[in-house]
Amino acid sequence: MEATITMDKSGRIVLPMRVRKKFKTSRFGLKVLENKIELVPVKSLEALFGSFPDLDIKRIRREHEDEIKNERF
């Protein structure tokens, strides 16, 4: 599946609905390569850990988001 998308003045892009529906997520990792960028779908923690009912997903999510905030590119 390929599509051409445009960026607005604020740097935002809109993914086509068929892409959003296919990946069922609103979170994507961004990879900047030498001559291209890639968006990689990020699954929710609930989807990843759904089979482990004893895990504290909210705590894990908070810790994960704190780690992301502290990362440097």
PDB file of N, CA and C in Angstrom:
ATOM      1  N   MET A   1       0.850  -1.170   0.000  1.00  0.00           N
ATOM      2  CA  MET A   1       0.000   0.000   0.000  1.00  0.00           C
ATOM      3  C   MET A   1       0.898   1.236   0.000  1.00  0.00           C
ATOM      4  N   GLU A   2       0.671   2.113  -0.916  1.00  0.00           N
ATOM      5  CA  GLU A   2       1.424   3.359  -0.989  1.00  0.00           C
ATOM      6  C   GLU A   2       0.455   4.522  -1.068  1.00  0.00           C
ATOM      7  N   ALA A   3       0.881   5.649  -0.559  1.00  0.00           N
ATOM      8  CA  ALA A   3       0.065   6.856  -0.616  1.00  0.00           C
ATOM      9  C   ALA A   3       0.989   8.059  -0.561  1.00  0.00           C
ATOM     10  N   THR A   4       0.557   9.134  -1.151  1.00  0.00           N
ATOM     11  CA  THR A   4       1.265  10.398  -1.030  1.00  0.00           C
ATOM     12  C   THR A   4       0.479  11.256  -0.059  1.00  0.00           C
ATOM     13  N   ILE A   5       1.164  11.744   0.954  1.00  0.00           N
ATOM     14  CA  ILE A   5       0.504  12.585   1.948  1.00  0.00           C
ATOM     15  C   ILE A   5       1.221  13.922   1.996  1.00  0.00           C
ATOM     16  N   THR A   6       0.542  14.923   2.503  1.00  0.00           N
ATOM     17  CA  THR A   6       1.141  16.251   2.596  1.00  0.00           C
ATOM     18  C   THR A   6       1.237  16.679   4.050  1.00  0.00           C
ATOM     19  N   MET A   7       2.115  17.616   4.281  1.00  0.00           N
ATOM     20  CA  MET A   7       2.336  18.143   5.619  1.00  0.00           C
ATOM     21  C   MET A   7       1.775  19.562   5.665  1.00  0.00           C
ATOM     22  N   ASP A   8       1.089  19.910   6.763  1.00  0.00           N
ATOM     23  CA  ASP A   8       0.575  21.274   6.868  1.00  0.00           C
ATOM     24  C   ASP A   8       1.665  22.208   7.398  1.00  0.00           C
ATOM     25  N   LYS A   9       1.333  23.471   7.564  1.00  0.00           N
ATOM     26  CA  LYS A   9       2.316  24.473   7.998  1.00  0.00           C
ATOM     27  C   LYS A   9       2.886  24.186   9.381  1.00  0.00           C
ATOM     28  N   SER A  10       2.140  23.431  10.189  1.00  0.00           N
ATOM     29  CA  SER A  10       2.599  23.085  11.538  1.00  0.00           C
ATOM     30  C   SER A  10       3.412  21.799  11.565  1.00  0.00           C
ATOM     31  N   GLY A  11       3.593  21.163  10.407  1.00  0.00           N
ATOM     32  CA  GLY A  11       4.370  19.934  10.336  1.00  0.00           C
ATOM     33  C   GLY A  11       3.556  18.677  10.570  1.00  0.00           C
ATOM     34  N   ARG A  12       2.239  18.799  10.592  1.00  0.00           N
ATOM     35  CA  ARG A  12       1.377  17.638  10.834  1.00  0.00           C
ATOM     36  C   ARG A  12       1.037  16.938   9.528  1.00  0.00           C
ATOM     37  N   ILE A  13       0.916  15.621   9.625  1.00  0.00           N
ATOM     38  CA  ILE A  13       0.451  14.829   8.493  1.00  0.00           C
ATOM     39  C   ILE A  13      -0.768  14.036   8.941  1.00  0.00           C
ATOM     40  N   VAL A  14      -1.599  13.669   7.992  1.00  0.00           N
ATOM     41  CA  VAL A  14      -2.772  12.849   8.285  1.00  0.00           C
ATOM     42  C   VAL A  14      -2.604  11.543   7.521  1.00  0.00           C
ATOM     43  N   LEU A  15      -2.678  10.443   8.254  1.00  0.00           N
ATOM     44  CA  LEU A  15      -2.590   9.141   7.611  1.00  0.00           C
ATOM     45  C   LEU A  15      -3.948   8.786   7.018  1.00  0.00           C
ATOM     46  N   PRO A  16      -3.963   8.204   5.828  1.00  0.00           N
ATOM     47  CA  PRO A  16      -5.237   7.798   5.231  1.00  0.00           C
ATOM     48  C   PRO A  16      -5.982   6.813   6.141  1.00  0.00           C
ATOM     49  N   MET A  17      -7.304   6.859   6.079  1.00  0.00           N
ATOM     50  CA  MET A  17      -8.125   6.024   6.946  1.00  0.00           C
ATOM     51  C   MET A  17      -7.791   4.546   6.790  1.00  0.00           C
ATOM     52  N   ARG A  18      -7.518   4.094   5.582  1.00  0.00           N
ATOM     53  CA  ARG A  18      -7.228   2.670   5.396  1.00  0.00           C
ATOM     54  C   ARG A  18      -5.962   2.258   6.150  1.00  0.00           C
ATOM     55  N   VAL A  19      -5.019   3.175   6.296  1.00  0.00           N
ATOM     56  CA  VAL A  19      -3.802   2.890   7.064  1.00  0.00           C
ATOM     57  C   VAL A  19      -4.130   2.850   8.550  1.00  0.00           C
ATOM     58  N   ARG A  20      -4.886   3.837   9.018  1.00  0.00           N
ATOM     59  CA  ARG A  20      -5.259   3.871  10.441  1.00  0.00           C
ATOM     60  C   ARG A  20      -6.041   2.628  10.831  1.00  0.00           C
ATOM     61  N   LYS A  21      -6.963   2.205   9.968  1.00  0.00           N
ATOM     62  CA  LYS A  21      -7.760   1.013  10.269  1.00  0.00           C
ATOM     63  C   LYS A  21      -6.916  -0.255  10.248  1.00  0.00           C
ATOM     64  N   LYS A  22      -5.975  -0.318   9.333  1.00  0.00           N
ATOM     65  CA  LYS A  22      -5.141  -1.514   9.224  1.00  0.00           C
ATOM     66  C   LYS A  22      -4.327  -1.743  10.494  1.00  0.00           C
ATOM     67  N   PHE A  23      -3.745  -0.685  11.049  1.00  0.00           N
ATOM     68  CA  PHE A  23      -2.849  -0.848  12.188  1.00  0.00           C
ATOM     69  C   PHE A  23      -3.542  -0.685  13.535  1.00  0.00           C
ATOM     70  N   LYS A  24      -4.752  -0.166  13.561  1.00  0.00           N
ATOM     71  CA  LYS A  24      -5.554  -0.054  14.787  1.00  0.00           C
ATOM     72  C   LYS A  24      -4.774   0.576  15.940  1.00  0.00           C
ATOM     73  N   THR A  25      -4.052   1.640  15.653  1.00  0.00           N
ATOM     74  CA  THR A  25      -3.319   2.365  16.681  1.00  0.00           C
ATOM     75  C   THR A  25      -3.209   3.824  16.278  1.00  0.00           C
ATOM     76  N   SER A  26      -3.010   4.676  17.255  1.00  0.00           N
ATOM     77  CA  SER A  26      -2.784   6.089  16.952  1.00  0.00           C
ATOM     78  C   SER A  26      -1.360   6.489  17.326  1.00  0.00           C
ATOM     79  N   ARG A  27      -0.549   5.497  17.700  1.00  0.00           N
ATOM     80  CA  ARG A  27       0.842   5.763  18.088  1.00  0.00           C
ATOM     81  C   ARG A  27       1.785   5.098  17.094  1.00  0.00           C
ATOM     82  N   PHE A  28       2.739   5.874  16.624  1.00  0.00           N
ATOM     83  CA  PHE A  28       3.721   5.375  15.679  1.00  0.00           C
ATOM     84  C   PHE A  28       5.099   5.849  16.100  1.00  0.00           C
ATOM     85  N   GLY A  29       6.071   4.971  15.977  1.00  0.00           N
ATOM     86  CA  GLY A  29       7.450   5.369  16.183  1.00  0.00           C
ATOM     87  C   GLY A  29       7.960   5.989  14.892  1.00  0.00           C
ATOM     88  N   LEU A  30       8.827   6.959  15.010  1.00  0.00           N
ATOM     89  CA  LEU A  30       9.387   7.634  13.844  1.00  0.00           C
ATOM     90  C   LEU A  30      10.856   7.264  13.727  1.00  0.00           C
ATOM     91  N   LYS A  31      11.236   6.738  12.574  1.00  0.00           N
ATOM     92  CA  LYS A  31      12.638   6.425  12.300  1.00  0.00           C
ATOM     93  C   LYS A  31      13.112   7.346  11.187  1.00  0.00           C
ATOM     94  N   VAL A  32      14.183   8.068  11.453  1.00  0.00           N
ATOM     95  CA  VAL A  32      14.768   8.943  10.443  1.00  0.00           C
ATOM     96  C   VAL A  32      15.994   8.232   9.894  1.00  0.00           C
ATOM     97  N   LEU A  33      15.935   7.898   8.623  1.00  0.00           N
ATOM     98  CA  LEU A  33      17.037   7.222   7.954  1.00  0.00           C
ATOM     99  C   LEU A  33      17.735   8.215   7.033  1.00  0.00           C
ATOM    100  N   GLU A  34      18.759   7.771   6.358  1.00  0.00           N
ATOM    101  CA  GLU A  34      19.556   8.691   5.545  1.00  0.00           C
ATOM    102  C   GLU A  34      18.721   9.473   4.533  1.00  0.00           C
ATOM    103  N   ASN A  35      17.864   8.783   3.795  1.00  0.00           N
ATOM    104  CA  ASN A  35      17.108   9.481   2.754  1.00  0.00           C
ATOM    105  C   ASN A  35      15.606   9.225   2.818  1.00  0.00           C
ATOM    106  N   LYS A  36      15.124   8.788   3.976  1.00  0.00           N
ATOM    107  CA  LYS A  36      13.687   8.562   4.124  1.00  0.00           C
ATOM    108  C   LYS A  36      13.321   8.526   5.601  1.00  0.00           C
ATOM    109  N   ILE A  37      12.026   8.579   5.854  1.00  0.00           N
ATOM    110  CA  ILE A  37      11.519   8.401   7.215  1.00  0.00           C
ATOM    111  C   ILE A  37      10.567   7.216   7.207  1.00  0.00           C
ATOM    112  N   GLU A  38      10.461   6.554   8.331  1.00  0.00           N
ATOM    113  CA  GLU A  38       9.538   5.432   8.471  1.00  0.00           C
ATOM    114  C   GLU A  38       8.671   5.656   9.694  1.00  0.00           C
ATOM    115  N   LEU A  39       7.407   5.337   9.565  1.00  0.00           N
ATOM    116  CA  LEU A  39       6.494   5.309  10.703  1.00  0.00           C
ATOM    117  C   LEU A  39       6.247   3.850  11.031  1.00  0.00           C
ATOM    118  N   VAL A  40       6.484   3.483  12.281  1.00  0.00           N
ATOM    119  CA  VAL A  40       6.330   2.097  12.709  1.00  0.00           C
ATOM    120  C   VAL A  40       5.215   2.046  13.748  1.00  0.00           C
ATOM    121  N   PRO A  41       4.152   1.277  13.500  1.00  0.00           N
ATOM    122  CA  PRO A  41       3.056   1.228  14.459  1.00  0.00           C
ATOM    123  C   PRO A  41       3.519   0.702  15.814  1.00  0.00           C
ATOM    124  N   VAL A  42       3.017   1.333  16.864  1.00  0.00           N
ATOM    125  CA  VAL A  42       3.336   0.929  18.229  1.00  0.00           C
ATOM    126  C   VAL A  42       2.073   0.336  18.828  1.00  0.00           C
ATOM    127  N   LYS A  43       2.146  -0.924  19.217  1.00  0.00           N
ATOM    128  CA  LYS A  43       0.986  -1.569  19.829  1.00  0.00           C
ATOM    129  C   LYS A  43       0.809  -1.059  21.251  1.00  0.00           C
ATOM    130  N   SER A  44      -0.422  -1.041  21.694  1.00  0.00           N
ATOM    131  CA  SER A  44      -0.695  -0.607  23.059  1.00  0.00           C
ATOM    132  C   SER A  44      -0.149  -1.637  24.042  1.00  0.00           C
ATOM    133  N   LEU A  45       0.151  -1.178  25.232  1.00  0.00           N
ATOM    134  CA  LEU A  45       0.624  -2.109  26.261  1.00  0.00           C
ATOM    135  C   LEU A  45      -0.443  -3.140  26.584  1.00  0.00           C
ATOM    136  N   GLU A  46      -1.701  -2.717  26.523  1.00  0.00           N
ATOM    137  CA  GLU A  46      -2.780  -3.657  26.794  1.00  0.00           C
ATOM    138  C   GLU A  46      -2.761  -4.797  25.782  1.00  0.00           C
ATOM    139  N   ALA A  47      -2.494  -4.474  24.523  1.00  0.00           N
ATOM    140  CA  ALA A  47      -2.442  -5.511  23.494  1.00  0.00           C
ATOM    141  C   ALA A  47      -1.246  -6.432  23.709  1.00  0.00           C
ATOM    142  N   LEU A  48      -0.128  -5.859  24.144  1.00  0.00           N
ATOM    143  CA  LEU A  48       1.074  -6.662  24.350  1.00  0.00           C
ATOM    144  C   LEU A  48       0.984  -7.540  25.592  1.00  0.00           C
ATOM    145  N   PHE A  49       0.373  -7.026  26.653  1.00  0.00           N
ATOM    146  CA  PHE A  49       0.353  -7.742  27.922  1.00  0.00           C
ATOM    147  C   PHE A  49      -1.026  -8.268  28.299  1.00  0.00           C
ATOM    148  N   GLY A  50      -1.965  -8.256  27.354  1.00  0.00           N
ATOM    149  CA  GLY A  50      -3.332  -8.660  27.648  1.00  0.00           C
ATOM    150  C   GLY A  50      -3.465 -10.063  28.205  1.00  0.00           C
ATOM    151  N   SER A  51      -2.516 -10.925  27.912  1.00  0.00           N
ATOM    152  CA  SER A  51      -2.617 -12.303  28.388  1.00  0.00           C
ATOM    153  C   SER A  51      -2.040 -12.483  29.792  1.00  0.00           C
ATOM    154  N   PHE A  52      -1.593 -11.388  30.421  1.00  0.00           N
ATOM    155  CA  PHE A  52      -1.054 -11.447  31.777  1.00  0.00           C
ATOM    156  C   PHE A  52      -1.915 -10.578  32.691  1.00  0.00           C
ATOM    157  N   PRO A  53      -3.004 -11.123  33.218  1.00  0.00           N
ATOM    158  CA  PRO A  53      -3.965 -10.304  33.969  1.00  0.00           C
ATOM    159  C   PRO A  53      -3.421  -9.695  35.256  1.00  0.00           C
ATOM    160  N   ASP A  54      -2.323 -10.212  35.804  1.00  0.00           N
ATOM    161  CA  ASP A  54      -1.804  -9.695  37.068  1.00  0.00           C
ATOM    162  C   ASP A  54      -0.893  -8.483  36.903  1.00  0.00           C
ATOM    163  N   LEU A  55      -0.569  -8.112  35.680  1.00  0.00           N
ATOM    164  CA  LEU A  55       0.313  -6.968  35.466  1.00  0.00           C
ATOM    165  C   LEU A  55      -0.434  -5.659  35.698  1.00  0.00           C
ATOM    166  N   ASP A  56       0.257  -4.696  36.288  1.00  0.00           N
ATOM    167  CA  ASP A  56      -0.306  -3.362  36.504  1.00  0.00           C
ATOM    168  C   ASP A  56      -0.003  -2.519  35.262  1.00  0.00           C
ATOM    169  N   ILE A  57      -0.895  -2.590  34.283  1.00  0.00           N
ATOM    170  CA  ILE A  57      -0.679  -1.936  32.999  1.00  0.00           C
ATOM    171  C   ILE A  57      -0.552  -0.421  33.161  1.00  0.00           C
ATOM    172  N   LYS A  58      -1.356   0.176  34.034  1.00  0.00           N
ATOM    173  CA  LYS A  58      -1.294   1.633  34.212  1.00  0.00           C
ATOM    174  C   LYS A  58       0.078   2.063  34.727  1.00  0.00           C
ATOM    175  N   ARG A  59       0.631   1.310  35.666  1.00  0.00           N
ATOM    176  CA  ARG A  59       1.960   1.638  36.197  1.00  0.00           C
ATOM    177  C   ARG A  59       3.018   1.470  35.115  1.00  0.00           C
ATOM    178  N   ILE A  60       2.923   0.380  34.364  1.00  0.00           N
ATOM    179  CA  ILE A  60       3.885   0.122  33.290  1.00  0.00           C
ATOM    180  C   ILE A  60       3.811   1.228  32.245  1.00  0.00           C
ATOM    181  N   ARG A  61       2.586   1.661  31.897  1.00  0.00           N
ATOM    182  CA  ARG A  61       2.418   2.737  30.912  1.00  0.00           C
ATOM    183  C   ARG A  61       3.056   4.029  31.416  1.00  0.00           C
ATOM    184  N   ARG A  62       2.820   4.386  32.683  1.00  0.00           N
ATOM    185  CA  ARG A  62       3.414   5.611  33.240  1.00  0.00           C
ATOM    186  C   ARG A  62       4.939   5.551  33.171  1.00  0.00           C
ATOM    187  N   GLU A  63       5.502   4.411  33.572  1.00  0.00           N
ATOM    188  CA  GLU A  63       6.957   4.257  33.540  1.00  0.00           C
ATOM    189  C   GLU A  63       7.484   4.358  32.110  1.00  0.00           C
ATOM    190  N   HIS A  64       6.778   3.747  31.184  1.00  0.00           N
ATOM    191  CA  HIS A  64       7.180   3.780  29.776  1.00  0.00           C
ATOM    192  C   HIS A  64       7.142   5.212  29.236  1.00  0.00           C
ATOM    193  N   GLU A  65       6.073   5.933  29.518  1.00  0.00           N
ATOM    194  CA  GLU A  65       5.957   7.310  29.039  1.00  0.00           C
ATOM    195  C   GLU A  65       7.018   8.199  29.672  1.00  0.00           C
ATOM    196  N   ASP A  66       7.362   7.954  30.943  1.00  0.00           N
ATOM    197  CA  ASP A  66       8.446   8.702  31.586  1.00  0.00           C
ATOM    198  C   ASP A  66       9.775   8.428  30.891  1.00  0.00           C
ATOM    199  N   GLU A  67      10.013   7.171  30.524  1.00  0.00           N
ATOM    200  CA  GLU A  67      11.249   6.824  29.817  1.00  0.00           C
ATOM    201  C   GLU A  67      11.315   7.525  28.465  1.00  0.00           C
ATOM    202  N   ILE A  68      10.194   7.564  27.755  1.00  0.00           N
ATOM    203  CA  ILE A  68      10.161   8.218  26.446  1.00  0.00           C
ATOM    204  C   ILE A  68      10.481   9.707  26.593  1.00  0.00           C
ATOM    205  N   LYS A  69       9.920  10.348  27.610  1.00  0.00           N
ATOM    206  CA  LYS A  69      10.171  11.774  27.825  1.00  0.00           C
ATOM    207  C   LYS A  69      11.646  12.049  28.078  1.00  0.00           C
ATOM    208  N   ASN A  70      12.325  11.102  28.710  1.00  0.00           N
ATOM    209  CA  ASN A  70      13.726  11.300  29.070  1.00  0.00           C
ATOM    210  C   ASN A  70      14.706  10.863  27.986  1.00  0.00           C
ATOM    211  N   GLU A  71      14.203  10.257  26.902  1.00  0.00           N
ATOM    212  CA  GLU A  71      15.088   9.830  25.817  1.00  0.00           C
ATOM    213  C   GLU A  71      15.602  11.032  25.053  1.00  0.00           C
ATOM    214  N   ARG A  72      16.779  10.897  24.539  1.00  0.00           N
ATOM    215  CA  ARG A  72      17.378  11.944  23.706  1.00  0.00           C
ATOM    216  C   ARG A  72      17.634  11.360  22.329  1.00  0.00           C
ATOM    217  N   PHE A  73      17.329  12.139  21.298  1.00  0.00           N
ATOM    218  CA  PHE A  73      17.578  11.684  19.924  1.00  0.00           C
ATOM    219  C   PHE A  73      18.852  12.277  19.417  1.00  0.00           C
TER     220      PHE A  73
END
